[in-house]
Protein backbone atom coordinates (compact mmCIF):
# COMPACT_ATOMS: atom_id res chain seq x y z
CA MET A 1 -3.52 8.58 8.99
CA LEU A 2 0.09 8.37 7.86
CA VAL A 3 -0.66 10.04 4.53
CA ARG A 4 -3.12 12.63 5.82
CA LYS A 5 -1.48 13.69 9.08
CA GLY A 6 2.06 12.32 9.10
CA PRO A 7 4.09 9.77 11.05
CA GLU A 8 3.65 11.41 14.46
CA GLU A 9 -0.12 11.10 14.25
CA ALA A 10 0.13 7.52 12.95
CA PHE A 11 2.30 6.57 15.96
CA LYS A 12 -0.22 8.25 18.26
CA VAL A 13 -3.06 6.15 16.78
CA LEU A 14 -1.04 2.95 17.22
CA LYS A 15 -0.24 3.84 20.82
CA GLU A 16 -3.72 5.00 21.85
CA ARG A 17 -5.62 2.49 19.66
CA ARG A 18 -8.16 5.15 18.67
CA PHE A 19 -8.53 8.30 16.62
CA PHE A 20 -11.06 11.04 16.06
CA ALA A 21 -12.73 10.70 12.65
CA GLU A 22 -13.25 14.33 11.78
CA ALA A 23 -15.45 13.55 8.77
CA TRP A 24 -17.96 11.73 11.00
CA GLY A 25 -17.42 13.58 14.27
CA PHE A 26 -16.68 10.64 16.57
CA TYR A 27 -13.86 8.43 17.82
CA CYS A 28 -12.97 5.17 16.07
CA TRP A 29 -11.10 2.35 17.75
CA ALA A 30 -8.05 0.92 15.99
CA PHE A 31 -8.00 -2.75 16.98
CA SER A 32 -5.51 -5.23 15.63
CA PRO A 33 -6.94 -8.70 14.99
CA SER A 34 -5.18 -10.04 18.09
CA ASP A 35 -6.45 -7.13 20.24
CA LEU A 36 -10.00 -7.79 19.12
CA LYS A 37 -9.72 -11.54 19.66
CA SER A 38 -8.34 -11.03 23.18
CA LEU A 39 -11.12 -8.59 24.03
CA PHE A 40 -13.80 -11.03 22.92
CA GLU A 41 -12.22 -14.01 24.69
CA LYS A 42 -11.71 -12.00 27.89
CA ASN A 43 -15.47 -11.36 27.85
CA GLY A 44 -16.48 -15.00 27.53
CA LEU A 45 -16.85 -15.35 23.78
CA GLU A 46 -15.32 -17.99 21.55
CA VAL A 47 -13.95 -16.42 18.38
CA ILE A 48 -14.96 -18.36 15.28
CA LYS A 49 -13.27 -16.15 12.69
CA ILE A 50 -12.01 -12.67 11.94
CA VAL A 51 -12.43 -11.17 8.48
CA GLY A 52 -10.70 -8.11 7.07
CA LYS A 53 -12.95 -5.90 4.94
CA THR A 54 -11.47 -5.27 2.42
CA VAL A 55 -7.92 -6.62 2.24
CA VAL A 56 -7.36 -6.52 -1.52
CA TYR A 57 -9.24 -3.57 -2.92
CA VAL A 58 -8.33 -0.21 -1.48
CA SER A 59 -10.04 2.80 -2.98
CA ARG A 60 -7.11 4.20 -4.89
CA PRO A 61 -6.88 5.72 -8.35
CA GLU A 62 -4.80 2.82 -9.67
CA THR A 63 -7.35 0.20 -8.58
CA GLU A 64 -10.52 2.20 -9.24
CA MET A 65 -10.41 1.28 -12.95
CA LEU A 66 -10.84 -2.42 -12.10
CA LEU A 67 -14.39 -1.73 -10.96
CA GLN A 68 -15.29 -0.19 -14.29
CA ASN A 69 -14.93 -3.57 -16.02
CA GLU A 70 -17.50 -6.16 -14.92
CA GLU A 71 -15.22 -9.14 -15.60
CA LYS A 72 -12.31 -7.61 -13.67
CA ALA A 73 -14.61 -6.53 -10.84
CA GLU A 74 -15.86 -10.12 -10.47
CA LYS A 75 -12.27 -11.43 -10.38
CA LEU A 76 -11.42 -8.80 -7.78
CA LEU A 77 -14.35 -9.96 -5.64
CA GLU A 78 -13.24 -13.59 -6.05
CA LEU A 79 -9.72 -12.64 -4.95
CA GLU A 80 -11.09 -10.69 -1.97
CA LEU A 81 -13.19 -13.64 -0.82
CA MET A 82 -10.19 -15.96 -1.10
CA LEU A 83 -7.97 -13.69 1.02
CA CYS A 84 -10.21 -11.83 3.50
CA GLU A 85 -9.78 -14.51 6.19
CA GLU A 86 -6.05 -15.08 5.64
CA PRO A 87 -4.53 -14.51 9.11
CA SER A 88 -1.33 -12.95 7.75
CA ILE A 89 -3.21 -10.08 6.06
CA VAL A 90 -6.59 -9.82 7.80
CA GLY A 91 -5.35 -6.74 9.68
CA TYR A 92 -4.93 -4.85 6.40
CA GLY A 93 -8.68 -4.56 6.20
CA GLY A 94 -10.13 -1.13 6.70
CA HIS A 95 -12.68 -2.80 8.97
CA LEU A 96 -12.52 -6.00 10.99
CA HIS A 97 -15.53 -8.28 11.17
CA ILE A 98 -15.47 -10.79 14.00
CA VAL A 99 -17.73 -13.80 14.39
CA ALA A 100 -17.96 -15.23 17.91
CA LYS A 101 -20.32 -17.22 20.07
CA LYS A 102 -21.04 -17.25 23.74
CA ARG A 103 -19.18 -20.00 25.59
CA LYS A 104 -21.28 -22.66 27.25
CA LEU A 105 -21.13 -22.52 31.02
């Protein structure tokens, strides 16, 4: 959002926690890992883990070449799997995957 629309729009997304995805024609929610965890816990779920998808590889011209080499692509996947659950960077993921279970009553 920062690159495409500028800092004002990026601040708006952070404040409102959602944005309209013009390419798809619908709103997307912008949860932080702690927002998502709180939402799940508030609704009676026990959070097992949160995974950022992806935290290492971002589709950029300078990283795109890594996928052209099978050996480097495998190392990139290995690195991703090592870091995707790291709490300090999980929020860098373009998507958050949360695993939770219903609390016993």
